[in-house]
Amino acid sequence: MKYALAPRQVAFGLFQLSDLVVGAQTSLSVATYLHQETQNPRYAPSAVLAKMVADGRTGIDVGKGYYDYEGVSTQDARACADKAFSAVYLAQEKLEPLFELPDHRDP
């Protein structure tokens, strides 16, 4: 995912974002809510996500999520993520003009 979005300078893949920012329990809660409200099987939470939460693999705060963060403090991981997000933001500001489309609206 992060390589597919490389022109937009994405710093993390979806699973890394889940571990660092959202957390598996939040993802599971959102998927469960969407599934209950819409009754659409497309929004049913995945068995993998439910097992991760049941096993306590909820993200960086507990040291395990989609990835293992053994030996990395939560504070260090969040500081690293903050630096990466800042770098992406600054790079995106510089790259934004390269991806702008001409304005085709009528005057």
N, C-alpha and C. Protein backbone atom coordinates (compact mmCIF):
# COMPACT_ATOMS: atom_id res chain seq x y z
N MET A 1 0.82 -1.19 0.00
CA MET A 1 0.00 0.00 0.00
C MET A 1 0.86 1.25 0.00
N LYS A 2 1.88 1.28 0.88
CA LYS A 2 2.67 2.50 0.94
C LYS A 2 3.44 2.73 -0.35
N TYR A 3 3.78 1.64 -1.07
CA TYR A 3 4.50 1.80 -2.33
C TYR A 3 3.55 2.22 -3.45
N ALA A 4 2.31 1.77 -3.37
CA ALA A 4 1.32 2.18 -4.37
C ALA A 4 1.02 3.67 -4.25
N LEU A 5 1.14 4.19 -3.06
CA LEU A 5 0.87 5.61 -2.83
C LEU A 5 2.15 6.44 -2.73
N ALA A 6 3.24 5.91 -3.23
CA ALA A 6 4.53 6.59 -3.11
C ALA A 6 4.51 8.03 -3.60
N PRO A 7 3.80 8.34 -4.70
CA PRO A 7 3.79 9.75 -5.11
C PRO A 7 3.22 10.69 -4.06
N ARG A 8 2.41 10.16 -3.15
CA ARG A 8 1.83 10.98 -2.08
C ARG A 8 2.68 10.91 -0.83
N GLN A 9 3.81 10.21 -0.89
CA GLN A 9 4.76 10.14 0.21
C GLN A 9 4.16 9.57 1.49
N VAL A 10 3.53 8.42 1.38
CA VAL A 10 2.97 7.75 2.55
C VAL A 10 4.11 7.11 3.34
N ALA A 11 4.16 7.36 4.63
CA ALA A 11 5.27 6.89 5.45
C ALA A 11 5.06 5.48 5.97
N PHE A 12 3.83 5.08 6.15
CA PHE A 12 3.54 3.80 6.76
C PHE A 12 2.52 3.04 5.93
N GLY A 13 2.57 1.73 6.04
CA GLY A 13 1.53 0.91 5.45
C GLY A 13 0.31 0.87 6.37
N LEU A 14 -0.74 0.24 5.91
CA LEU A 14 -1.99 0.21 6.68
C LEU A 14 -1.83 -0.49 8.02
N PHE A 15 -1.08 -1.59 8.06
CA PHE A 15 -0.92 -2.32 9.31
C PHE A 15 -0.07 -1.54 10.30
N GLN A 16 0.95 -0.85 9.80
CA GLN A 16 1.77 -0.02 10.68
C GLN A 16 0.94 1.12 11.26
N LEU A 17 0.10 1.74 10.44
CA LEU A 17 -0.77 2.81 10.93
C LEU A 17 -1.72 2.28 12.00
N SER A 18 -2.24 1.09 11.76
CA SER A 18 -3.14 0.50 12.75
C SER A 18 -2.43 0.29 14.07
N ASP A 19 -1.22 -0.24 14.02
CA ASP A 19 -0.46 -0.47 15.25
C ASP A 19 -0.11 0.82 15.97
N LEU A 20 0.31 1.82 15.24
CA LEU A 20 0.83 3.05 15.84
C LEU A 20 -0.24 4.07 16.19
N VAL A 21 -1.29 4.13 15.41
CA VAL A 21 -2.24 5.22 15.58
C VAL A 21 -3.61 4.75 16.04
N VAL A 22 -4.18 3.79 15.35
CA VAL A 22 -5.57 3.41 15.60
C VAL A 22 -5.69 2.34 16.68
N GLY A 23 -5.00 1.25 16.49
CA GLY A 23 -5.11 0.12 17.40
C GLY A 23 -6.11 -0.89 16.89
N ALA A 24 -5.82 -2.16 17.12
CA ALA A 24 -6.68 -3.24 16.62
C ALA A 24 -8.06 -3.21 17.25
N GLN A 25 -8.14 -2.85 18.54
CA GLN A 25 -9.44 -2.85 19.21
C GLN A 25 -10.36 -1.79 18.61
N THR A 26 -9.81 -0.66 18.22
CA THR A 26 -10.62 0.39 17.59
C THR A 26 -11.08 -0.06 16.21
N SER A 27 -10.17 -0.67 15.46
CA SER A 27 -10.53 -1.18 14.13
C SER A 27 -11.64 -2.22 14.24
N LEU A 28 -11.54 -3.10 15.22
CA LEU A 28 -12.55 -4.13 15.42
C LEU A 28 -13.89 -3.50 15.80
N SER A 29 -13.86 -2.52 16.67
CA SER A 29 -15.10 -1.84 17.10
C SER A 29 -15.78 -1.15 15.92
N VAL A 30 -15.00 -0.49 15.09
CA VAL A 30 -15.56 0.22 13.93
C VAL A 30 -16.16 -0.78 12.94
N ALA A 31 -15.42 -1.85 12.65
CA ALA A 31 -15.93 -2.86 11.71
C ALA A 31 -17.20 -3.52 12.25
N THR A 32 -17.23 -3.82 13.54
CA THR A 32 -18.41 -4.43 14.15
C THR A 32 -19.61 -3.50 14.06
N TYR A 33 -19.40 -2.24 14.37
CA TYR A 33 -20.48 -1.25 14.30
C TYR A 33 -21.02 -1.12 12.86
N LEU A 34 -20.10 -0.99 11.91
CA LEU A 34 -20.53 -0.85 10.51
C LEU A 34 -21.32 -2.08 10.05
N HIS A 35 -20.86 -3.25 10.46
CA HIS A 35 -21.55 -4.48 10.06
C HIS A 35 -22.93 -4.55 10.68
N GLN A 36 -23.04 -4.19 11.95
CA GLN A 36 -24.35 -4.23 12.62
C GLN A 36 -25.31 -3.22 12.01
N GLU A 37 -24.82 -2.03 11.71
CA GLU A 37 -25.69 -0.98 11.20
C GLU A 37 -26.11 -1.22 9.75
N THR A 38 -25.23 -1.75 8.95
CA THR A 38 -25.54 -1.91 7.53
C THR A 38 -26.02 -3.31 7.17
N GLN A 39 -25.73 -4.30 8.02
CA GLN A 39 -26.04 -5.70 7.73
C GLN A 39 -25.37 -6.15 6.43
N ASN A 40 -24.31 -5.47 6.06
CA ASN A 40 -23.57 -5.81 4.85
C ASN A 40 -22.38 -6.68 5.23
N PRO A 41 -22.29 -7.89 4.69
CA PRO A 41 -21.18 -8.78 5.04
C PRO A 41 -19.81 -8.21 4.68
N ARG A 42 -19.79 -7.26 3.79
CA ARG A 42 -18.52 -6.62 3.41
C ARG A 42 -17.86 -5.94 4.61
N TYR A 43 -18.66 -5.48 5.54
CA TYR A 43 -18.12 -4.76 6.70
C TYR A 43 -17.91 -5.64 7.92
N ALA A 44 -18.12 -6.93 7.78
CA ALA A 44 -17.91 -7.84 8.91
C ALA A 44 -16.44 -7.83 9.30
N PRO A 45 -16.15 -7.76 10.59
CA PRO A 45 -14.75 -7.76 11.01
C PRO A 45 -14.08 -9.08 10.63
N SER A 46 -12.83 -9.01 10.26
CA SER A 46 -12.11 -10.22 9.86
C SER A 46 -11.81 -11.08 11.07
N ALA A 47 -11.72 -12.38 10.83
CA ALA A 47 -11.39 -13.32 11.90
C ALA A 47 -9.99 -13.05 12.44
N VAL A 48 -9.09 -12.62 11.58
CA VAL A 48 -7.72 -12.31 12.01
C VAL A 48 -7.73 -11.15 13.00
N LEU A 49 -8.49 -10.12 12.69
CA LEU A 49 -8.56 -8.96 13.58
C LEU A 49 -9.19 -9.33 14.92
N ALA A 50 -10.26 -10.11 14.89
CA ALA A 50 -10.90 -10.54 16.14
C ALA A 50 -9.95 -11.39 16.98
N LYS A 51 -9.17 -12.27 16.34
CA LYS A 51 -8.21 -13.10 17.07
C LYS A 51 -7.08 -12.25 17.65
N MET A 52 -6.63 -11.25 16.90
CA MET A 52 -5.59 -10.37 17.42
C MET A 52 -6.04 -9.68 18.69
N VAL A 53 -7.26 -9.16 18.69
CA VAL A 53 -7.78 -8.48 19.87
C VAL A 53 -7.95 -9.47 21.02
N ALA A 54 -8.47 -10.64 20.73
CA ALA A 54 -8.64 -11.66 21.76
C ALA A 54 -7.30 -12.08 22.37
N ASP A 55 -6.26 -12.10 21.54
CA ASP A 55 -4.91 -12.47 22.01
C ASP A 55 -4.17 -11.30 22.65
N GLY A 56 -4.80 -10.12 22.67
CA GLY A 56 -4.17 -8.96 23.29
C GLY A 56 -3.16 -8.25 22.40
N ARG A 57 -3.15 -8.56 21.11
CA ARG A 57 -2.23 -7.91 20.16
C ARG A 57 -2.92 -6.67 19.61
N THR A 58 -2.98 -5.62 20.42
CA THR A 58 -3.77 -4.45 20.05
C THR A 58 -2.95 -3.27 19.53
N GLY A 59 -1.65 -3.38 19.48
CA GLY A 59 -0.86 -2.30 18.92
C GLY A 59 0.36 -1.96 19.75
N ILE A 60 0.93 -0.84 19.44
CA ILE A 60 2.20 -0.42 20.04
C ILE A 60 2.09 -0.25 21.56
N ASP A 61 0.91 0.10 22.05
CA ASP A 61 0.76 0.33 23.49
C ASP A 61 1.03 -0.92 24.33
N VAL A 62 0.79 -2.09 23.75
CA VAL A 62 1.05 -3.34 24.46
C VAL A 62 2.29 -4.06 23.92
N GLY A 63 2.93 -3.48 22.92
CA GLY A 63 4.16 -4.05 22.37
C GLY A 63 3.95 -5.04 21.25
N LYS A 64 2.70 -5.33 20.92
CA LYS A 64 2.41 -6.26 19.83
C LYS A 64 1.13 -5.85 19.14
N GLY A 65 1.14 -5.99 17.86
CA GLY A 65 -0.04 -5.76 17.04
C GLY A 65 0.14 -6.61 15.80
N TYR A 66 0.05 -5.99 14.64
CA TYR A 66 0.40 -6.71 13.43
C TYR A 66 1.90 -7.01 13.43
N TYR A 67 2.66 -6.15 14.07
CA TYR A 67 4.10 -6.32 14.20
C TYR A 67 4.45 -6.45 15.68
N ASP A 68 5.60 -7.03 15.97
CA ASP A 68 6.09 -7.10 17.35
C ASP A 68 7.00 -5.91 17.61
N TYR A 69 6.80 -5.26 18.74
CA TYR A 69 7.59 -4.09 19.10
C TYR A 69 8.38 -4.36 20.37
N GLU A 70 8.78 -5.60 20.55
CA GLU A 70 9.53 -5.96 21.74
C GLU A 70 10.83 -5.18 21.78
N GLY A 71 11.12 -4.59 22.94
CA GLY A 71 12.34 -3.81 23.10
C GLY A 71 12.22 -2.37 22.64
N VAL A 72 11.06 -1.98 22.12
CA VAL A 72 10.83 -0.60 21.69
C VAL A 72 9.79 0.01 22.62
N SER A 73 10.15 1.11 23.24
CA SER A 73 9.19 1.76 24.13
C SER A 73 8.10 2.45 23.31
N THR A 74 6.93 2.54 23.88
CA THR A 74 5.82 3.23 23.22
C THR A 74 6.21 4.66 22.89
N GLN A 75 6.90 5.30 23.82
CA GLN A 75 7.31 6.69 23.61
C GLN A 75 8.26 6.81 22.42
N ASP A 76 9.23 5.91 22.31
CA ASP A 76 10.17 5.94 21.19
C ASP A 76 9.46 5.67 19.86
N ALA A 77 8.54 4.72 19.86
CA ALA A 77 7.81 4.39 18.63
C ALA A 77 6.95 5.57 18.19
N ARG A 78 6.28 6.22 19.14
CA ARG A 78 5.45 7.38 18.78
C ARG A 78 6.31 8.55 18.31
N ALA A 79 7.47 8.74 18.92
CA ALA A 79 8.38 9.81 18.48
C ALA A 79 8.85 9.55 17.06
N CYS A 80 9.17 8.29 16.76
CA CYS A 80 9.58 7.92 15.41
C CYS A 80 8.43 8.18 14.42
N ALA A 81 7.22 7.80 14.80
CA ALA A 81 6.06 8.03 13.93
C ALA A 81 5.83 9.51 13.72
N ASP A 82 5.96 10.31 14.77
CA ASP A 82 5.78 11.75 14.64
C ASP A 82 6.79 12.35 13.67
N LYS A 83 8.04 11.92 13.75
CA LYS A 83 9.06 12.41 12.83
C LYS A 83 8.72 12.02 11.40
N ALA A 84 8.27 10.79 11.21
CA ALA A 84 7.93 10.32 9.87
C ALA A 84 6.74 11.10 9.31
N PHE A 85 5.71 11.31 10.12
CA PHE A 85 4.55 12.07 9.67
C PHE A 85 4.94 13.51 9.32
N SER A 86 5.81 14.10 10.13
CA SER A 86 6.28 15.46 9.85
C SER A 86 7.03 15.52 8.54
N ALA A 87 7.90 14.54 8.32
CA ALA A 87 8.67 14.50 7.08
C ALA A 87 7.75 14.33 5.87
N VAL A 88 6.73 13.49 6.02
CA VAL A 88 5.78 13.28 4.94
C VAL A 88 5.03 14.57 4.65
N TYR A 89 4.61 15.26 5.69
CA TYR A 89 3.87 16.50 5.52
C TYR A 89 4.72 17.53 4.78
N LEU A 90 5.97 17.68 5.20
CA LEU A 90 6.85 18.65 4.55
C LEU A 90 7.12 18.26 3.09
N ALA A 91 7.34 16.98 2.85
CA ALA A 91 7.57 16.52 1.47
C ALA A 91 6.33 16.71 0.62
N GLN A 92 5.18 16.47 1.21
CA GLN A 92 3.93 16.61 0.46
C GLN A 92 3.71 18.06 0.05
N GLU A 93 4.04 19.00 0.92
CA GLU A 93 3.91 20.41 0.58
C GLU A 93 4.76 20.74 -0.64
N LYS A 94 5.96 20.16 -0.72
CA LYS A 94 6.84 20.43 -1.85
C LYS A 94 6.37 19.73 -3.12
N LEU A 95 5.77 18.55 -2.97
CA LEU A 95 5.35 17.77 -4.13
C LEU A 95 3.96 18.12 -4.63
N GLU A 96 3.16 18.73 -3.81
CA GLU A 96 1.76 19.02 -4.15
C GLU A 96 1.61 19.70 -5.51
N PRO A 97 2.41 20.71 -5.81
CA PRO A 97 2.24 21.37 -7.12
C PRO A 97 2.44 20.42 -8.30
N LEU A 98 3.22 19.37 -8.13
CA LEU A 98 3.46 18.44 -9.23
C LEU A 98 2.23 17.61 -9.57
N PHE A 99 1.31 17.49 -8.61
CA PHE A 99 0.13 16.65 -8.81
C PHE A 99 -1.15 17.44 -9.00
N GLU A 100 -1.04 18.75 -9.07
CA GLU A 100 -2.24 19.55 -9.24
C GLU A 100 -2.71 19.46 -10.68
N LEU A 101 -4.02 19.36 -10.83
CA LEU A 101 -4.62 19.34 -12.15
C LEU A 101 -5.07 20.74 -12.50
N PRO A 102 -5.06 21.06 -13.80
CA PRO A 102 -5.52 22.39 -14.19
C PRO A 102 -6.99 22.58 -13.81
N ASP A 103 -7.33 23.79 -13.52
CA ASP A 103 -8.69 24.14 -13.15
C ASP A 103 -9.52 24.27 -14.43
N HIS A 104 -10.50 23.38 -14.61
CA HIS A 104 -11.31 23.39 -15.83
C HIS A 104 -12.71 23.95 -15.60
N ARG A 105 -12.90 24.63 -14.48
CA ARG A 105 -14.22 25.18 -14.23
C ARG A 105 -14.46 26.40 -15.12
N ASP A 106 -15.70 26.60 -15.47
CA ASP A 106 -16.05 27.79 -16.25
C ASP A 106 -15.90 29.02 -15.40
N PRO A 107 -15.42 30.10 -16.00
CA PRO A 107 -15.27 31.35 -15.20
C PRO A 107 -16.58 31.97 -14.82
